[in-house]
Protein backbone atom coordinates (compact mmCIF):
# COMPACT_ATOMS: atom_id res chain seq x y z
CA MET A 1 116.30 -33.09 56.94
CA LEU A 2 119.79 -31.67 57.34
CA ASP A 3 119.90 -30.36 53.78
CA ASN A 4 119.22 -26.66 53.15
CA MET A 5 119.71 -25.75 56.78
CA THR A 6 118.54 -22.47 58.24
CA TYR A 7 119.45 -21.05 61.63
CA ASP A 8 117.39 -19.52 64.41
CA ASN A 9 118.31 -16.40 66.36
CA THR A 10 120.38 -18.42 68.85
CA GLY A 11 122.71 -19.72 66.13
CA LYS A 12 121.29 -23.26 66.20
CA ILE A 13 119.89 -24.97 63.13
CA ASN A 14 116.14 -24.58 62.84
CA MET A 15 114.52 -27.98 63.41
CA SER A 16 110.99 -26.77 64.10
CA ASP A 17 109.69 -28.98 61.29
CA ILE A 18 110.51 -32.20 63.15
CA TYR A 19 108.87 -31.39 66.48
CA ASN A 20 105.17 -31.40 65.64
CA LYS A 21 104.46 -34.19 63.20
CA PRO A 22 101.58 -36.65 63.76
CA ASP A 23 104.15 -39.33 64.57
CA PRO A 24 107.81 -39.29 65.70
CA PHE A 25 109.49 -40.93 62.67
CA ILE A 26 111.33 -37.83 61.42
CA TYR A 27 112.01 -36.61 64.96
CA PHE A 28 113.96 -39.71 65.95
CA SER A 29 115.71 -40.22 62.61
CA THR A 30 116.97 -36.62 62.58
CA LEU A 31 118.14 -36.63 66.19
CA SER A 32 119.82 -39.99 65.70
CA GLU A 33 121.78 -38.52 62.81
CA LEU A 34 123.01 -35.75 65.12
CA GLY A 35 123.90 -38.10 67.98
CA TYR A 36 121.36 -36.42 70.28
CA ARG A 37 121.90 -37.91 73.74
CA ILE A 38 121.09 -35.41 76.50
CA PRO A 39 118.02 -37.33 77.78
CA GLN A 40 120.26 -40.38 78.25
CA GLU A 41 122.81 -38.25 80.12
CA ALA A 42 120.00 -36.81 82.23
CA LYS A 43 118.28 -40.10 83.05
CA PRO A 44 120.44 -41.29 85.98
CA ARG A 45 120.53 -37.77 87.47
CA PHE A 46 116.75 -37.48 87.29
CA GLN A 47 116.42 -40.95 88.79
CA GLN A 48 118.67 -39.98 91.70
CA LEU A 49 116.63 -36.83 92.29
CA ILE A 50 113.38 -38.80 92.13
CA GLU A 51 114.70 -41.25 94.71
CA ALA A 52 115.84 -38.40 96.98
CA ARG A 53 112.45 -36.72 96.62
CA ARG A 54 110.69 -39.98 97.48
CA ASN A 55 112.83 -40.33 100.59
CA ALA A 56 112.01 -36.75 101.58
CA THR A 57 108.25 -37.10 101.05
CA LYS A 58 108.03 -40.71 102.31
CA SER A 59 106.02 -41.55 99.20
CA ASP A 60 106.82 -43.54 96.06
CA SER A 61 104.26 -41.61 94.03
CA THR A 62 106.13 -38.98 92.02
CA LYS A 63 104.71 -36.43 89.60
CA VAL A 64 107.31 -35.24 87.08
CA VAL A 65 106.58 -32.27 84.81
CA ASP A 66 108.74 -32.29 81.67
CA LEU A 67 109.01 -28.81 80.15
CA GLY A 68 109.71 -29.00 76.41
CA CYS A 69 108.65 -32.66 76.37
CA SER A 70 108.08 -33.03 72.61
CA TYR A 71 107.13 -36.69 72.00
CA GLY A 72 107.71 -37.69 75.63
CA VAL A 73 111.27 -38.97 75.43
CA ASN A 74 112.00 -38.39 79.12
CA GLY A 75 108.81 -40.27 79.96
CA ALA A 76 109.98 -43.20 77.82
CA LEU A 77 113.30 -43.25 79.65
CA LEU A 78 112.17 -42.58 83.23
CA LYS A 79 108.79 -44.30 83.44
CA HIS A 80 109.31 -47.04 80.88
CA GLY A 81 113.01 -47.84 81.35
CA LEU A 82 114.10 -47.37 77.75
CA SER A 83 117.34 -45.83 76.46
CA MET A 84 117.97 -43.41 73.60
CA ASP A 85 119.62 -46.18 71.59
CA GLU A 86 116.53 -48.34 72.05
CA LEU A 87 114.25 -45.50 70.98
CA TYR A 88 116.33 -44.85 67.88
CA ARG A 89 116.11 -48.55 66.98
CA LEU A 90 112.40 -48.85 67.76
CA TYR A 91 111.44 -45.86 65.61
CA ALA A 92 113.54 -47.04 62.68
CA GLU A 93 111.77 -50.43 62.58
CA ILE A 94 108.28 -49.31 61.53
CA ASN A 95 107.32 -46.72 58.92
CA ASP A 96 103.56 -47.19 58.86
CA PRO A 97 101.71 -44.76 61.19
CA GLU A 98 98.85 -47.12 62.13
CA THR A 99 101.22 -50.00 62.83
CA LEU A 100 103.44 -47.69 64.87
CA LEU A 101 100.50 -46.42 66.95
CA ALA A 102 99.38 -49.95 67.77
CA ARG A 103 102.92 -51.04 68.60
CA ASP A 104 103.47 -48.03 70.87
CA ARG A 105 100.21 -48.49 72.76
CA GLU A 106 101.36 -52.00 73.61
CA LEU A 107 104.96 -50.94 74.25
CA TYR A 108 104.01 -48.34 76.89
CA ALA A 109 101.11 -50.27 78.45
CA ALA A 110 103.18 -51.69 81.33
CA PRO A 111 105.61 -49.06 82.73
CA VAL A 112 108.74 -50.11 84.58
CA ASP A 113 108.08 -47.46 87.26
CA PRO A 114 104.28 -47.02 87.43
CA ALA A 115 104.62 -44.75 90.50
CA ILE A 116 105.92 -41.99 88.20
CA GLU A 117 103.27 -39.72 86.71
CA MET A 118 104.68 -37.91 83.66
CA VAL A 119 103.11 -34.61 82.59
CA GLY A 120 104.49 -33.04 79.42
CA VAL A 121 104.50 -29.33 78.62
CA ASP A 122 105.15 -28.27 75.03
CA LEU A 123 103.64 -26.11 72.28
CA ALA A 124 103.89 -29.02 69.82
CA GLU A 125 100.27 -30.14 70.18
CA ARG A 126 100.49 -33.14 67.85
CA ALA A 127 103.66 -34.41 69.52
CA VAL A 128 102.15 -34.11 72.99
CA SER A 129 98.90 -35.74 71.82
CA TYR A 130 100.83 -38.67 70.37
CA ALA A 131 102.83 -39.15 73.57
CA VAL A 132 99.67 -39.09 75.70
CA GLU A 133 97.79 -41.37 73.29
CA VAL A 134 100.42 -44.12 73.47
CA GLY A 135 101.27 -43.69 77.17
CA MET A 136 104.71 -42.10 77.15
CA LEU A 137 103.00 -39.23 78.99
CA ASP A 138 100.10 -39.40 81.43
CA ALA A 139 98.93 -35.88 80.60
CA GLY A 140 99.95 -32.95 78.44
CA VAL A 141 99.83 -29.16 78.59
CA VAL A 142 100.10 -27.18 75.33
CA THR A 143 99.43 -23.67 76.66
CA ASN A 144 102.15 -21.11 75.88
CA LEU A 145 103.34 -20.40 79.42
CA GLU A 146 105.57 -17.59 78.18
CA THR A 147 102.46 -15.54 77.44
CA THR A 148 99.54 -17.16 79.25
CA ASP A 149 98.69 -18.53 82.67
CA PRO A 150 97.77 -22.23 82.85
CA THR A 151 94.12 -22.96 82.15
CA PRO A 152 92.04 -24.63 84.89
CA MET A 153 92.56 -27.95 83.09
CA ASP A 154 96.31 -27.30 82.92
CA ALA A 155 96.37 -26.41 86.61
CA ALA A 156 94.73 -29.72 87.50
CA SER A 157 97.48 -31.56 85.59
CA LEU A 158 100.29 -29.49 87.13
CA GLU A 159 99.26 -29.32 90.78
CA ASN A 160 101.14 -31.33 93.41
CA THR A 161 104.22 -31.68 91.22
CA ASP A 162 107.32 -33.24 92.78
CA LEU A 163 109.96 -32.54 90.13
CA ILE A 164 110.07 -30.13 87.16
CA ILE A 165 112.65 -31.09 84.53
CA SER A 166 113.91 -29.97 81.14
CA THR A 167 116.59 -31.22 78.76
CA GLY A 168 117.05 -28.44 76.24
CA CYS A 169 114.22 -25.92 76.15
CA VAL A 170 115.74 -23.28 78.46
CA GLY A 171 116.95 -20.55 76.16
CA TYR A 172 113.73 -20.81 74.19
CA VAL A 173 111.57 -20.58 77.30
CA SER A 174 112.41 -18.24 80.15
CA GLU A 175 111.92 -17.77 83.86
CA VAL A 176 108.34 -16.72 83.02
CA SER A 177 107.37 -20.29 82.13
CA LEU A 178 109.29 -21.70 85.07
CA GLU A 179 107.53 -19.35 87.48
CA ARG A 180 104.10 -20.27 86.14
CA LEU A 181 104.91 -23.94 86.62
CA LEU A 182 106.20 -23.25 90.11
CA ARG A 183 103.10 -21.25 91.07
CA SER A 184 100.93 -24.16 89.96
CA SER A 185 102.53 -26.36 92.63
CA LEU A 186 103.63 -24.01 95.40
CA ASP A 187 101.97 -26.19 98.04
CA SER A 188 104.11 -29.20 97.12
CA ARG A 189 107.32 -27.12 96.79
CA PRO A 190 108.58 -29.04 93.75
CA TRP A 191 112.26 -29.46 92.99
CA MET A 192 113.64 -28.45 89.59
CA ALA A 193 116.40 -29.90 87.41
CA HIS A 194 117.27 -28.19 84.13
CA PHE A 195 119.94 -29.14 81.61
CA VAL A 196 120.89 -25.82 80.02
CA LEU A 197 123.25 -25.37 77.09
CA ARG A 198 126.33 -23.38 78.09
CA MET A 199 125.43 -20.75 75.49
CA PHE A 200 122.32 -19.81 77.51
CA ASP A 201 122.31 -17.88 80.79
CA PHE A 202 120.23 -19.31 83.66
CA GLY A 203 120.73 -16.24 85.84
CA ALA A 204 117.24 -14.73 85.47
CA SER A 205 115.63 -18.06 86.37
CA GLU A 206 117.92 -18.41 89.37
CA GLU A 207 116.91 -14.94 90.58
CA MET A 208 113.21 -15.77 90.15
CA LEU A 209 113.62 -19.00 92.10
CA ALA A 210 115.43 -17.19 94.90
CA ARG A 211 112.42 -14.90 95.29
CA HIS A 212 110.38 -18.01 96.03
CA GLY A 213 112.83 -19.26 98.64
CA TYR A 214 114.74 -21.64 96.37
CA VAL A 215 118.47 -22.29 96.14
CA THR A 216 119.86 -23.13 92.69
CA GLU A 217 123.03 -25.22 92.51
CA LYS A 218 125.02 -26.04 89.38
CA VAL A 219 126.26 -29.60 89.37
CA THR A 220 129.98 -29.86 88.60
CA GLY A 221 130.68 -31.02 85.06
CA VAL A 222 129.23 -30.73 81.56
CA PHE A 223 126.96 -33.02 79.56
CA PRO A 224 126.99 -33.61 75.78
CA GLN A 225 123.72 -32.77 74.05
CA ARG A 226 124.31 -33.38 70.34
CA GLN A 227 126.86 -32.87 67.59
CA PHE A 228 126.92 -29.67 65.60
CA ALA A 229 125.03 -30.07 62.34
CA SER A 230 127.44 -27.95 60.30
CA SER A 231 130.65 -25.97 60.51
CA GLU A 232 128.54 -22.82 60.36
CA GLU A 233 126.51 -23.85 63.40
CA ARG A 234 129.72 -24.73 65.24
CA GLN A 235 131.29 -21.36 64.51
CA GLN A 236 128.19 -19.41 65.51
CA VAL A 237 128.11 -21.20 68.86
CA LEU A 238 131.83 -20.73 69.46
CA ASP A 239 131.47 -17.02 68.68
CA LYS A 240 128.57 -16.72 71.10
CA LEU A 241 130.45 -18.49 73.88
CA ASP A 242 133.47 -16.28 73.30
CA GLY A 243 131.26 -13.20 73.55
CA MET A 244 130.01 -14.51 76.90
CA GLY A 245 133.58 -14.91 78.14
CA LEU A 246 133.36 -18.72 78.20
CA ASP A 247 136.27 -20.90 77.09
CA ALA A 248 135.10 -23.62 74.68
CA THR A 249 138.53 -25.30 74.42
CA GLY A 250 138.15 -29.07 74.78
CA ILE A 251 134.39 -28.71 75.17
CA GLU A 252 132.40 -27.25 72.25
CA THR A 253 135.56 -27.24 70.10
CA THR A 254 135.19 -31.05 70.04
CA GLY A 255 132.15 -30.60 67.81
CA TRP A 256 129.37 -31.01 70.37
CA TYR A 257 126.89 -28.85 72.24
CA PHE A 258 127.33 -29.17 75.98
CA ALA A 259 124.88 -28.48 78.79
CA GLU A 260 125.17 -27.84 82.50
CA LEU A 261 122.76 -29.14 85.14
CA HIS A 262 121.04 -26.60 87.40
CA VAL A 263 119.14 -28.05 90.36
CA ALA A 264 116.79 -25.83 92.37
CA ARG A 265 115.25 -26.83 95.71
CA PRO A 266 113.69 -24.98 98.64
CA GLU A 267 116.41 -23.46 100.81
CA GLU A 268 115.66 -25.67 103.80
CA VAL A 269 115.91 -28.79 101.63
CA ALA A 270 119.17 -27.68 100.04
CA LYS A 271 120.68 -27.18 103.49
CA ALA A 272 119.44 -30.52 104.84
CA MET A 273 120.32 -32.57 101.73
CA PRO A 274 123.56 -31.35 100.10
CA ILE A 275 123.38 -31.76 96.35
CA ASP A 276 126.78 -33.47 96.14
CA LYS A 277 125.36 -36.24 98.34
CA ILE A 278 122.62 -36.87 95.78
CA LEU A 279 124.39 -36.17 92.48
CA PRO A 280 128.08 -36.91 91.97
CA SER A 281 130.23 -34.51 89.95
CA ARG A 282 130.88 -35.36 86.32
CA ASP A 283 134.07 -35.38 84.27
CA LEU A 284 133.89 -34.34 80.62
CA GLN A 285 132.99 -37.31 78.41
CA ILE A 286 132.18 -37.29 74.73
CA ALA A 287 132.41 -40.84 73.42
């Protein structure tokens, strides 16, 4: 997969071919090769936010909307208690699609946290269908929210959301998608938690959220996403960060993409529940 690499307009290698296969074999093998780990980094932070949301709503039932869900990795981690290392091992064990489908239906039949309802949003229709079919996701939305409002069926899946999350799609989707998701659940006033690569600006989304009465807070620290696939990709990212006035020394210069965590909550919630009481700050860690 990493041979004959091409690059998208952000400077990242183009991996569109791995995101919409009928099964996730190539997806997991490619990401394993790159050390992709941001969902694992995100898992405890999402769990802490889910627990805080449950305390605030006095309800264990939690609907989580995962923007850019692909094959439902965050669902596998949050609802089913798996880790990235376990997923990489599980999807290297079987290479027959029918055997894999049967195994996965059984694997995800008994979630560790059944009170979580996972709804995935992604343009990769086959990936979302697979994740729903085997139970990593409870429902899926494949409408392009950058250009189109949710359909009535989408709206039924998205209403009454508690937490909207993402682990890498911001920069490819904008505040337009985030606002459409927010409007679908305005009555429940969902919280948001987005891991955004440092090379992407979250400012427009923060401004949009403020118009809806939300406060966005950036959690102290950075989180490794994956290793650079090539020296060319590394240099393109370093050049972009330099153009943004961001110092990459000791961060991206180590050979990894790094993300920051932006948490958005209604202003009254942010005042009553300081974010540093829910999520501790994070020191830079790579290994």
